[in-house]
Amino acid sequence: MYRLVRLNFGRSPTHFGELGIGLEKTSERVRSDGLFSAWVSTYARLFGGAAIEDLLNQCQTDGNPPFRLSSTFVYQRNGREFVDYLPTPIQRPVGYPNDPERELKVAKTYKKLSYLSLSIWKRWYQGTGFTDEDFQSLENYATDPDHRTGQLGTSGTFDYNKAFKEYKLPKVSIDRTTRATNFYHTGLTQFAWDPVSNNDQKDNVHNLAGLYFLIEFPETNENLESDLRAALMLLGEDGLGGERSSGAGRFEVLSWEELSDEWQSVIDFKADCHSLISLYWTKEIPQALLEEAARYSLIERGGWIASQASGRQLRRKKVHMFAEGSVFTGKPKGQLADVTPPAFMKNGVPHPHSIYRSGIALSLPIKVPA
């Protein structure tokens, strides 16, 4: 059973930190491990230590956690409809030109398509594949970005960057002891919105874009689903990501819904290969996932922890995970990675709970060229 969850950030900017200089680098979305950590921390605050310990124990069961999360991805409104974007698999679609001279004409433009609208993703990786019309659309777009033709042009695939804008906010910090000042910038992302006079809308604006994610429940569990939804609503009040003290990352749950027919057909598609829509980590990679058709990329995940129980802020262990869009010749499962720092102590003794980062995988079936 799947649920599709949409988040509306209204006027609130977001800061989802990436590797870069200080706080300047930001992403328009948060990955599955970051969403899992923030959500579980709020769940613990809402339902207590015993409840979160039980939930984490279930998540550590061998390949059968109580739920799986995708990373968050951008959606845009097109009237009353939504345009959902998915990461482009590293493997090229069926029908993509193999002739080097012909491919060279569109290779640079194709490479920029890090995200595809759902309709194009479905056709390329579960349907008829890449067509001559798509080739012509990419060629036209490369010549003139305003010349958007074919299904690529009408589906919103070329409009991904219209969903948000990134900017840098200048800030000044003051040392508490010396009163010395330090000037720096923080990178923020603002999702598109229009002003409205309807007080029922968040922040009196009509959202034109935001983030969505998928959550899979292998077994129906109405109590867990209800508790997770309550924790997500509380997380929305606190904020997701960084710069929360400045009001960043606050959202409301726009919808928690069953899958549409189009989404359900994507989930139900039968194929041997799978493309990640979350991060993936496991102690030992099954050889069956790494056959000739496999294509993947790795990403380093680190960061800080702030434990209320220990009162300490420490860097957690770094871990490398497979990134979204990686393609495997099988269905990856994944597990939690223990990233507890060695110095995580309380009153001079090791703290009784561990710090985890979610490598539990969620993927979609795709067909790849022979």
Protein backbone atom coordinates (compact mmCIF):
# COMPACT_ATOMS: atom_id res chain seq x y z
CA MET A 1 0.00 0.00 0.00
CA TYR A 2 1.35 3.39 -1.03
CA ARG A 3 0.56 6.93 -0.04
CA LEU A 4 1.57 10.09 -1.91
CA VAL A 5 2.20 13.05 0.40
CA ARG A 6 2.42 16.65 -0.80
CA LEU A 7 3.98 19.44 1.27
CA ASN A 8 3.04 23.10 0.89
CA PHE A 9 5.70 25.53 2.13
CA GLY A 10 3.70 28.68 1.37
CA ARG A 11 5.92 31.73 1.90
CA SER A 12 8.44 29.79 3.98
CA PRO A 13 11.85 29.36 2.33
CA THR A 14 13.85 26.16 2.82
CA HIS A 15 17.49 25.34 3.48
CA PHE A 16 18.47 21.77 2.70
CA GLY A 17 22.23 21.88 3.07
CA GLU A 18 24.62 20.36 0.57
CA LEU A 19 28.41 20.13 0.46
CA GLY A 20 29.80 23.60 -0.22
CA ILE A 21 31.17 26.74 1.38
CA GLY A 22 29.61 27.27 4.81
CA LEU A 23 25.83 27.56 4.58
CA GLU A 24 25.75 28.89 1.03
CA LYS A 25 25.01 25.64 -0.79
CA THR A 26 21.41 24.45 -0.66
CA SER A 27 19.23 21.96 -2.51
CA GLU A 28 15.61 22.39 -3.57
CA ARG A 29 14.70 19.05 -1.93
CA VAL A 30 15.55 16.87 1.04
CA ARG A 31 16.76 13.30 0.59
CA SER A 32 15.15 10.23 2.13
CA ASP A 33 17.66 9.90 5.00
CA GLY A 34 17.16 13.52 6.05
CA LEU A 35 13.37 13.21 5.89
CA PHE A 36 13.51 9.96 7.89
CA SER A 37 15.73 11.49 10.61
CA ALA A 38 13.61 14.61 11.04
CA TRP A 39 10.36 12.63 11.01
CA VAL A 40 11.55 9.99 13.48
CA SER A 41 12.90 12.66 15.86
CA THR A 42 9.50 14.36 15.87
CA TYR A 43 7.81 10.98 16.31
CA ALA A 44 9.95 10.35 19.40
CA ARG A 45 9.06 13.75 20.87
CA LEU A 46 5.36 13.15 20.27
CA PHE A 47 5.01 9.52 21.39
CA GLY A 48 7.97 8.97 23.74
CA GLY A 49 11.11 6.87 23.92
CA ALA A 50 9.45 3.47 24.14
CA ALA A 51 7.44 4.07 20.96
CA ILE A 52 10.44 5.21 18.92
CA GLU A 53 12.57 2.34 20.21
CA ASP A 54 9.93 -0.12 19.07
CA LEU A 55 9.66 1.58 15.67
CA LEU A 56 13.43 1.57 15.10
CA ASN A 57 13.63 -2.09 16.12
CA GLN A 58 11.03 -2.88 13.46
CA CYS A 59 12.99 -0.84 10.90
CA GLN A 60 16.03 -3.02 11.56
CA THR A 61 14.25 -6.24 10.69
CA ASP A 62 15.89 -8.01 7.77
CA GLY A 63 14.52 -6.33 4.65
CA ASN A 64 11.01 -5.90 6.02
CA PRO A 65 10.61 -2.49 7.72
CA PRO A 66 7.11 -1.22 8.60
CA PHE A 67 7.40 1.55 5.98
CA ARG A 68 9.70 2.81 3.23
CA LEU A 69 10.22 6.45 2.26
CA SER A 70 11.25 7.98 -1.02
CA SER A 71 13.26 11.18 -1.14
CA THR A 72 11.24 14.34 -1.66
CA PHE A 73 10.84 15.62 -5.21
CA VAL A 74 9.42 18.76 -6.77
CA TYR A 75 5.85 19.11 -7.97
CA GLN A 76 4.26 21.99 -9.88
CA ARG A 77 0.65 22.92 -10.34
CA ASN A 78 -0.78 23.01 -13.85
CA GLY A 79 -4.24 24.38 -13.20
CA ARG A 80 -5.94 21.75 -11.06
CA GLU A 81 -3.46 19.09 -12.08
CA PHE A 82 -0.04 18.36 -10.60
CA VAL A 83 3.16 17.79 -12.55
CA ASP A 84 5.35 15.44 -10.50
CA TYR A 85 9.04 15.13 -11.24
CA LEU A 86 11.17 12.00 -10.85
CA PRO A 87 14.97 11.63 -11.03
CA THR A 88 16.23 10.54 -14.44
CA PRO A 89 17.72 7.04 -14.15
CA ILE A 90 21.43 6.82 -14.92
CA GLN A 91 20.65 4.17 -17.54
CA ARG A 92 19.53 5.70 -20.84
CA PRO A 93 16.05 4.83 -22.09
CA VAL A 94 15.17 2.35 -24.79
CA GLY A 95 15.42 4.03 -28.18
CA TYR A 96 18.05 6.60 -27.24
CA PRO A 97 20.37 7.08 -30.28
CA ASN A 98 23.46 4.90 -30.37
CA ASP A 99 25.00 6.72 -33.32
CA PRO A 100 27.75 8.94 -31.76
CA GLU A 101 27.41 11.66 -34.40
CA ARG A 102 23.64 11.89 -33.92
CA GLU A 103 23.84 11.58 -30.15
CA LEU A 104 26.32 14.45 -29.95
CA LYS A 105 23.63 16.87 -31.13
CA VAL A 106 21.50 16.35 -28.00
CA ALA A 107 23.87 14.80 -25.44
CA LYS A 108 24.53 18.05 -23.58
CA THR A 109 20.84 18.95 -23.37
CA TYR A 110 19.88 15.41 -22.35
CA LYS A 111 22.46 15.46 -19.56
CA LYS A 112 20.81 18.56 -18.06
CA LEU A 113 17.52 16.68 -17.66
CA SER A 114 18.19 15.52 -14.10
CA TYR A 115 14.44 15.27 -13.50
CA LEU A 116 11.62 14.21 -15.79
CA SER A 117 7.90 14.84 -15.53
CA LEU A 118 6.04 11.68 -14.55
CA SER A 119 4.43 11.20 -17.96
CA ILE A 120 7.79 11.35 -19.78
CA TRP A 121 9.53 9.20 -17.15
CA LYS A 122 6.83 6.57 -17.55
CA ARG A 123 7.01 6.56 -21.35
CA TRP A 124 10.81 6.48 -21.48
CA TYR A 125 11.35 3.77 -18.88
CA GLN A 126 8.14 1.76 -18.87
CA GLY A 127 6.64 2.44 -22.29
CA THR A 128 7.69 2.99 -25.88
CA GLY A 129 10.92 4.73 -24.90
CA PHE A 130 12.80 7.59 -26.52
CA THR A 131 11.36 8.71 -29.88
CA ASP A 132 12.44 10.79 -32.87
CA GLU A 133 10.06 13.49 -31.65
CA ASP A 134 11.96 13.61 -28.35
CA PHE A 135 15.22 13.93 -30.28
CA GLN A 136 13.82 16.86 -32.24
CA SER A 137 12.51 18.49 -29.03
CA LEU A 138 15.94 18.28 -27.41
CA GLU A 139 17.59 19.63 -30.56
CA ASN A 140 15.16 22.56 -30.72
CA TYR A 141 15.61 23.33 -27.04
CA ALA A 142 19.40 23.26 -27.38
CA THR A 143 19.17 25.84 -30.17
CA ASP A 144 16.60 28.04 -28.40
CA PRO A 145 15.47 27.37 -24.79
CA ASP A 146 12.18 29.15 -25.53
CA HIS A 147 11.45 26.73 -28.38
CA ARG A 148 9.72 23.93 -26.48
CA THR A 149 8.13 21.42 -28.80
CA GLY A 150 6.66 17.94 -28.65
CA GLN A 151 5.62 16.05 -25.55
CA LEU A 152 8.78 17.13 -23.75
CA GLY A 153 7.70 20.73 -24.18
CA THR A 154 4.05 20.28 -23.20
CA SER A 155 4.70 17.94 -20.25
CA GLY A 156 6.66 20.51 -18.24
CA THR A 157 9.94 18.60 -18.43
CA PHE A 158 11.80 21.75 -19.49
CA ASP A 159 10.05 23.81 -16.78
CA TYR A 160 11.56 22.14 -13.72
CA ASN A 161 13.51 25.23 -12.61
CA LYS A 162 10.39 27.39 -12.74
CA ALA A 163 9.10 25.65 -9.61
CA PHE A 164 11.54 27.43 -7.29
CA LYS A 165 14.24 30.05 -7.07
CA GLU A 166 17.43 30.02 -5.03
CA TYR A 167 18.97 33.06 -3.40
CA LYS A 168 21.55 33.95 -0.77
CA LEU A 169 20.58 35.80 2.39
CA PRO A 170 23.33 37.95 3.97
CA LYS A 171 23.72 37.49 7.74
CA VAL A 172 25.99 38.67 10.55
CA SER A 173 26.99 36.62 13.61
CA ILE A 174 28.34 38.23 16.79
CA ASP A 175 30.81 36.46 19.07
CA ARG A 176 29.40 36.30 22.62
CA THR A 177 32.78 36.89 24.24
CA THR A 178 34.70 39.30 22.00
CA ARG A 179 31.68 40.87 20.26
CA ALA A 180 33.53 40.38 16.98
CA THR A 181 31.30 40.17 13.93
CA ASN A 182 31.37 37.68 11.09
CA PHE A 183 29.59 38.31 7.79
CA TYR A 184 28.30 35.29 5.84
CA HIS A 185 25.60 34.14 3.43
CA THR A 186 22.95 31.44 3.79
CA GLY A 187 21.50 29.74 0.71
CA LEU A 188 17.71 29.51 0.65
CA THR A 189 15.12 28.13 -1.76
CA GLN A 190 11.66 29.64 -2.28
CA PHE A 191 8.92 27.63 -3.98
CA ALA A 192 6.63 29.43 -6.41
CA TRP A 193 3.39 30.95 -5.10
CA ASP A 194 0.73 33.53 -5.96
CA PRO A 195 -0.90 35.95 -3.48
CA VAL A 196 -4.60 35.33 -2.75
CA SER A 197 -7.17 36.88 -0.44
CA ASN A 198 -8.55 33.55 0.79
CA ASN A 199 -7.66 33.20 4.48
CA ASP A 200 -7.98 29.41 4.22
CA GLN A 201 -4.73 29.27 2.25
CA LYS A 202 -1.40 28.92 4.07
CA ASP A 203 0.19 32.36 4.53
CA ASN A 204 -2.58 33.82 2.33
CA VAL A 205 -0.87 32.49 -0.80
CA HIS A 206 -1.74 29.90 -3.41
CA ASN A 207 1.14 27.48 -3.78
CA LEU A 208 2.27 26.77 -7.32
CA ALA A 209 4.97 24.27 -6.38
CA GLY A 210 6.30 22.27 -3.45
CA LEU A 211 7.65 18.86 -2.52
CA TYR A 212 6.09 15.41 -2.56
CA PHE A 213 7.23 11.95 -1.54
CA LEU A 214 5.99 8.38 -1.57
CA ILE A 215 5.60 6.18 1.48
CA GLU A 216 5.10 2.43 1.18
CA PHE A 217 3.44 0.33 3.87
CA PRO A 218 4.14 -3.36 3.11
CA GLU A 219 1.21 -4.23 5.35
CA THR A 220 -1.85 -2.17 6.21
CA ASN A 221 -1.33 -0.53 9.60
CA GLU A 222 -3.86 2.20 10.28
CA ASN A 223 -2.43 3.03 13.72
CA LEU A 224 1.12 3.51 12.40
CA GLU A 225 -0.15 5.53 9.46
CA SER A 226 -2.16 7.78 11.78
CA ASP A 227 0.79 8.27 14.15
CA LEU A 228 3.19 9.07 11.31
CA ARG A 229 0.75 11.58 9.89
CA ALA A 230 0.41 13.29 13.26
CA ALA A 231 4.20 13.45 13.62
CA LEU A 232 4.52 14.88 10.10
CA MET A 233 2.05 17.65 10.91
CA LEU A 234 4.06 18.53 14.02
CA LEU A 235 7.25 18.50 11.95
CA GLY A 236 5.60 21.00 9.62
CA GLU A 237 5.14 23.42 12.51
CA ASP A 238 8.79 23.02 13.58
CA GLY A 239 10.24 23.11 10.08
CA LEU A 240 12.25 20.75 7.90
CA GLY A 241 15.93 21.30 7.16
CA GLY A 242 18.19 24.08 8.39
CA GLU A 243 17.65 27.72 9.43
CA ARG A 244 14.45 26.78 11.27
CA SER A 245 15.08 29.47 13.90
CA SER A 246 14.67 31.98 11.07
CA GLY A 247 11.35 30.47 9.99
CA ALA A 248 12.67 28.30 7.17
CA GLY A 249 11.27 24.88 6.31
CA ARG A 250 7.78 25.30 7.76
CA PHE A 251 5.08 23.51 5.80
CA GLU A 252 1.60 22.10 5.91
CA VAL A 253 0.56 18.67 4.67
CA LEU A 254 -1.31 19.58 1.52
CA SER A 255 -2.49 16.01 0.93
CA TRP A 256 -1.97 12.47 2.18
CA GLU A 257 -3.63 10.47 -0.54
CA GLU A 258 -3.92 7.17 -2.34
CA LEU A 259 -2.08 6.87 -5.64
CA SER A 260 -3.69 8.07 -8.84
CA ASP A 261 -4.22 5.56 -11.64
CA GLU A 262 -1.10 6.85 -13.42
CA TRP A 263 1.06 6.49 -10.33
CA GLN A 264 -0.40 3.06 -9.56
CA SER A 265 0.46 1.84 -13.05
CA VAL A 266 4.06 2.99 -12.50
CA ILE A 267 4.24 1.02 -9.24
CA ASP A 268 2.62 -2.09 -10.73
CA PHE A 269 4.88 -2.25 -13.80
CA LYS A 270 6.77 -5.55 -14.06
CA ALA A 271 10.49 -5.45 -14.83
CA ASP A 272 13.73 -6.93 -13.53
CA CYS A 273 15.61 -3.63 -13.18
CA HIS A 274 14.81 -0.99 -10.60
CA SER A 275 15.71 2.70 -10.34
CA LEU A 276 16.11 4.27 -6.90
CA ILE A 277 13.85 7.09 -5.73
CA SER A 278 15.54 7.09 -2.31
CA LEU A 279 19.04 6.66 -0.97
CA TYR A 280 20.22 3.07 -0.51
CA TRP A 281 22.74 1.54 1.88
CA THR A 282 23.48 -1.99 3.04
CA LYS A 283 26.46 -3.70 4.63
CA GLU A 284 26.87 -6.12 1.75
CA ILE A 285 25.60 -5.47 -1.77
CA PRO A 286 23.93 -8.56 -3.26
CA GLN A 287 25.74 -9.58 -6.44
CA ALA A 288 22.38 -10.04 -8.16
CA LEU A 289 21.91 -6.26 -8.11
CA LEU A 290 25.18 -5.53 -9.91
CA GLU A 291 24.82 -7.32 -13.22
CA GLU A 292 25.86 -5.76 -16.52
CA ALA A 293 22.85 -3.43 -16.80
CA ALA A 294 23.51 -1.82 -13.39
CA ARG A 295 24.39 1.90 -13.39
CA TYR A 296 24.86 3.81 -10.15
CA SER A 297 26.40 6.79 -8.39
CA LEU A 298 27.48 7.24 -4.77
CA ILE A 299 26.97 10.17 -2.42
CA GLU A 300 28.65 10.89 0.91
CA ARG A 301 26.30 11.58 3.80
CA GLY A 302 27.47 13.20 7.03
CA GLY A 303 26.35 16.08 9.21
CA TRP A 304 25.70 16.86 12.85
CA ILE A 305 23.55 15.39 15.59
CA ALA A 306 22.00 17.27 18.49
CA SER A 307 20.90 14.91 21.26
CA GLN A 308 18.62 16.27 23.97
CA ALA A 309 19.43 13.26 26.12
CA SER A 310 23.22 13.75 26.08
CA GLY A 311 23.18 17.52 25.66
CA ARG A 312 25.98 17.31 23.09
CA GLN A 313 26.30 18.33 19.47
CA LEU A 314 28.64 16.08 17.52
CA ARG A 315 29.47 15.07 13.97
CA ARG A 316 28.04 11.71 13.08
CA LYS A 317 30.03 9.15 11.16
CA LYS A 318 30.12 9.60 7.40
CA VAL A 319 28.65 6.95 5.17
CA HIS A 320 28.47 6.50 1.39
CA MET A 321 25.08 5.66 -0.11
CA PHE A 322 23.75 4.94 -3.57
CA ALA A 323 22.00 8.03 -4.92
CA GLU A 324 18.56 8.44 -6.47
CA GLY A 325 18.48 7.42 -10.13
CA SER A 326 20.88 4.51 -9.60
CA VAL A 327 19.79 1.43 -11.55
CA PHE A 328 20.11 -2.13 -10.24
CA THR A 329 19.33 -5.48 -11.81
CA GLY A 330 16.96 -6.40 -9.01
CA LYS A 331 14.98 -4.75 -6.24
CA PRO A 332 17.22 -3.26 -3.51
CA LYS A 333 16.06 -3.45 0.11
CA GLY A 334 18.54 -1.51 2.24
CA GLN A 335 18.83 -1.01 5.98
CA LEU A 336 19.63 1.52 8.69
CA ALA A 337 23.28 2.59 8.97
CA ASP A 338 24.66 3.05 12.48
CA VAL A 339 26.47 6.41 12.41
CA THR A 340 26.88 6.90 16.16
CA PRO A 341 30.02 9.01 16.80
CA PRO A 342 32.64 7.41 19.09
CA ALA A 343 32.44 10.36 21.51
CA PHE A 344 28.68 10.05 22.02
CA MET A 345 28.74 9.80 25.81
CA LYS A 346 26.59 10.76 28.76
CA ASN A 347 28.19 11.34 32.18
CA GLY A 348 31.37 9.65 30.97
CA VAL A 349 29.73 6.42 29.80
CA PRO A 350 28.48 5.40 26.34
CA HIS A 351 24.98 6.69 25.67
CA PRO A 352 22.31 3.94 25.66
CA HIS A 353 20.86 4.73 22.23
CA SER A 354 22.47 4.71 18.80
CA ILE A 355 22.24 7.21 15.93
CA TYR A 356 20.96 5.84 12.65
CA ARG A 357 20.80 7.05 9.07
CA SER A 358 18.22 5.48 6.80
CA GLY A 359 19.49 3.51 3.83
CA ILE A 360 16.15 1.71 3.44
CA ALA A 361 15.49 1.70 -0.29
CA LEU A 362 12.44 2.54 -2.32
CA SER A 363 12.65 1.99 -6.07
CA LEU A 364 10.56 1.85 -9.23
CA PRO A 365 10.68 -0.92 -11.88
CA ILE A 366 12.10 0.09 -15.26
CA LYS A 367 13.04 -1.59 -18.52
CA VAL A 368 16.48 -0.92 -19.97
CA PRO A 369 18.06 -1.38 -23.41
CA ALA A 370 19.30 -4.87 -24.17
